[in-house]
Protein backbone atom coordinates (compact mmCIF):
# COMPACT_ATOMS: atom_id res chain seq x y z
CA MET A 1 -33.72 15.78 -20.78
CA LYS A 2 -35.74 18.68 -19.46
CA ARG A 3 -38.95 16.46 -19.56
CA THR A 4 -37.12 13.70 -17.68
CA LEU A 5 -36.11 16.13 -14.96
CA ILE A 6 -39.70 17.50 -14.64
CA ARG A 7 -41.04 13.96 -14.34
CA ILE A 8 -38.55 13.04 -11.68
CA PHE A 9 -39.30 16.24 -9.80
CA PHE A 10 -43.13 15.54 -9.77
CA LEU A 11 -42.51 11.89 -8.87
CA VAL A 12 -40.42 12.95 -5.86
CA ILE A 13 -43.06 15.44 -4.78
CA LEU A 14 -45.80 12.73 -5.14
CA THR A 15 -43.75 10.22 -3.14
CA LEU A 16 -43.08 12.75 -0.37
CA SER A 17 -46.78 13.63 -0.13
CA VAL A 18 -47.93 10.07 0.15
CA THR A 19 -45.28 9.23 2.66
CA GLY A 20 -46.19 12.28 4.76
CA CYS A 21 -49.92 11.36 4.82
CA GLN A 22 -49.20 7.84 5.94
CA GLU A 23 -46.96 9.01 8.75
CA PHE A 24 -49.68 11.61 9.77
CA GLU A 25 -52.35 8.84 9.81
CA ALA A 26 -50.05 6.57 11.78
CA ASN A 27 -49.64 9.30 14.46
CA LYS A 28 -53.52 9.64 14.69
CA ALA A 29 -53.92 5.84 14.80
CA ALA A 30 -51.70 5.70 17.90
CA MET A 31 -54.34 7.76 19.78
CA TYR A 32 -56.70 4.72 19.93
CA ASP A 33 -55.21 3.51 23.23
CA ASP A 34 -53.97 6.82 24.53
CA GLU A 35 -56.49 8.16 27.11
CA ALA A 36 -54.56 11.36 27.50
CA ALA A 37 -55.04 12.12 23.74
CA ILE A 38 -58.76 11.05 23.88
CA VAL A 39 -59.81 13.31 26.71
CA THR A 40 -58.43 16.56 25.26
CA ASP A 41 -60.95 19.23 24.41
CA GLY A 42 -59.74 19.42 20.83
CA ASP A 43 -59.91 16.83 18.05
CA SER A 44 -57.14 15.43 15.96
CA TYR A 45 -57.90 12.97 13.25
CA PHE A 46 -57.21 11.91 9.63
CA THR A 47 -59.95 10.52 7.48
CA VAL A 48 -60.38 9.31 3.86
CA ARG A 49 -63.69 9.21 2.05
CA TYR A 50 -65.77 10.68 4.94
CA PHE A 51 -69.48 11.12 4.23
CA GLN A 52 -72.07 12.47 6.64
CA SER A 53 -75.81 13.01 6.41
CA SER A 54 -77.51 14.14 9.57
CA THR A 55 -81.10 15.14 9.96
CA SER A 56 -80.70 17.04 13.25
CA LYS A 57 -78.06 17.88 15.82
CA TYR A 58 -79.07 14.70 17.71
CA VAL A 59 -78.45 12.39 14.80
CA VAL A 60 -75.18 11.40 13.13
CA ASP A 61 -75.09 9.10 10.07
CA CYS A 62 -71.70 8.72 8.49
CA SER A 63 -69.39 6.43 6.61
CA PHE A 64 -65.68 6.53 6.21
CA GLY A 65 -63.00 4.67 4.16
CA SER A 66 -60.38 5.18 6.82
CA PHE A 67 -60.66 7.07 10.20
CA SER A 68 -57.84 7.46 12.66
CA GLY A 69 -57.71 9.82 15.65
CA THR A 70 -60.41 11.30 17.86
CA ARG A 71 -63.51 13.39 16.89
CA THR A 72 -66.10 15.05 19.17
CA LEU A 73 -69.81 14.28 18.32
CA TRP A 74 -71.38 16.10 21.27
CA VAL A 75 -70.47 18.25 24.16
CA ILE A 76 -72.97 17.82 27.02
CA ARG A 77 -73.46 20.21 29.86
CA ALA A 78 -75.48 18.44 32.59
CA GLU A 79 -77.32 19.50 35.70
CA GLU A 80 -77.37 17.08 38.55
CA GLY A 81 -79.38 14.16 37.57
CA GLY A 82 -79.37 14.91 33.81
CA THR A 83 -80.06 11.99 31.57
CA PHE A 84 -79.79 10.93 27.98
CA THR A 85 -79.88 7.84 25.80
CA VAL A 86 -77.47 7.00 22.97
CA GLN A 87 -78.70 4.66 20.27
CA TYR A 88 -76.23 3.23 17.88
CA ASP A 89 -75.70 0.98 14.93
CA ALA A 90 -72.11 0.60 13.79
CA GLU A 91 -70.76 -1.70 11.11
CA ILE A 92 -66.93 -1.43 11.25
CA THR A 93 -65.43 -3.63 8.47
CA LYS A 94 -61.77 -2.93 9.09
CA GLU A 95 -59.44 -2.30 12.07
CA ASP A 96 -60.51 -0.53 15.35
CA PHE A 97 -63.25 1.87 16.41
CA LYS A 98 -65.02 2.94 19.51
CA LEU A 99 -67.48 5.47 20.92
CA VAL A 100 -66.61 6.89 24.34
CA LEU A 101 -68.16 9.06 26.96
CA ILE A 102 -65.72 11.31 28.83
CA ASP A 103 -66.87 12.73 32.16
CA PRO A 104 -65.93 15.94 33.92
CA ASP A 105 -63.00 14.27 35.62
CA LYS A 106 -61.64 13.07 32.31
CA ASN A 107 -62.49 9.41 32.82
CA VAL A 108 -63.26 7.53 29.63
CA GLN A 109 -66.15 5.13 29.40
CA VAL A 110 -66.37 2.97 26.24
CA ILE A 111 -69.91 2.92 25.03
CA PHE A 112 -69.19 0.33 22.33
CA GLU A 113 -66.29 -1.05 20.35
CA ASN A 114 -66.14 -1.93 16.65
CA SER A 115 -69.42 -3.33 15.22
CA ALA A 116 -72.37 -3.06 17.55
CA THR A 117 -76.00 -2.28 17.79
CA GLY A 118 -77.82 -1.13 20.87
CA GLU A 119 -78.57 1.77 23.28
CA GLN A 120 -77.32 3.02 26.62
CA THR A 121 -78.93 5.48 29.04
CA PHE A 122 -76.69 7.67 31.19
CA THR A 123 -77.42 9.48 34.36
CA LEU A 124 -75.05 12.34 34.95
CA SER A 125 -73.73 14.49 37.79
CA GLU A 126 -73.30 18.18 37.13
CA GLY A 127 -70.62 19.13 34.67
CA LYS A 128 -69.32 18.87 31.08
CA TYR A 129 -69.25 15.69 29.21
CA MET A 130 -68.09 14.73 25.77
CA ILE A 131 -69.00 11.93 23.39
CA LYS A 132 -66.28 11.12 20.91
CA TYR A 133 -65.46 8.51 18.39
CA VAL A 134 -61.94 7.09 18.27
CA GLY A 135 -60.46 5.10 15.45
CA SER A 136 -57.32 3.37 14.32
CA TYR A 137 -57.51 2.82 10.51
CA ALA A 138 -61.25 2.19 10.93
CA GLN A 139 -63.46 1.64 8.00
CA GLY A 140 -67.23 1.42 8.13
CA GLU A 141 -70.67 3.04 8.65
CA LEU A 142 -72.04 4.55 11.81
CA ASP A 143 -75.58 5.71 12.82
CA ILE A 144 -75.80 7.40 16.25
CA SER A 145 -78.66 9.31 17.84
CA MET A 146 -79.22 10.91 21.21
CA ARG A 147 -82.74 10.90 22.56
CA ASP A 148 -84.68 11.16 25.87
CA TYR A 149 -82.39 13.88 27.14
CA GLU A 150 -83.41 15.73 30.32
CA ASN A 151 -81.59 18.43 32.21
CA VAL A 152 -78.75 18.55 29.62
CA THR A 153 -77.66 21.06 27.00
CA VAL A 154 -76.21 19.57 23.95
CA SER A 155 -73.80 21.02 21.43
CA ASN A 156 -73.11 19.13 18.20
CA LEU A 157 -69.63 19.93 16.89
CA LEU A 158 -70.41 18.25 13.47
CA GLU A 159 -73.02 20.80 12.50
């Protein structure tokens, strides 16, 4: 009888834990189309099986089994006329994912969405910019690098 009660207790705890995580991830997934949540200075995300190997603060190579929410890759402080190029190769195999640039006025520009390969060069006005990735149950691999930067100071929050 005592063993049965202990088993039931642990089964209830396990069920509550899993249910709570699913609800938490669902809240983060809802951020995908919520610009107010995307432009905040902080990050809020839920990830499963996240692996990262970066060779410098200007390179991010990662894979994830599930990613929901927002995560800042770089904070960029630009002088007038500052420039940089983002090169990317993303293979998203499930659900939704995007890389965005947020300008000092909190406008969101989508750099790419879901699977994509390419590069974009940006010319900036003076101010603080952020590059974030945003996901909703996204699964895949991502290689991003920043290069050819001039008149900008870059902070990598993943270091």
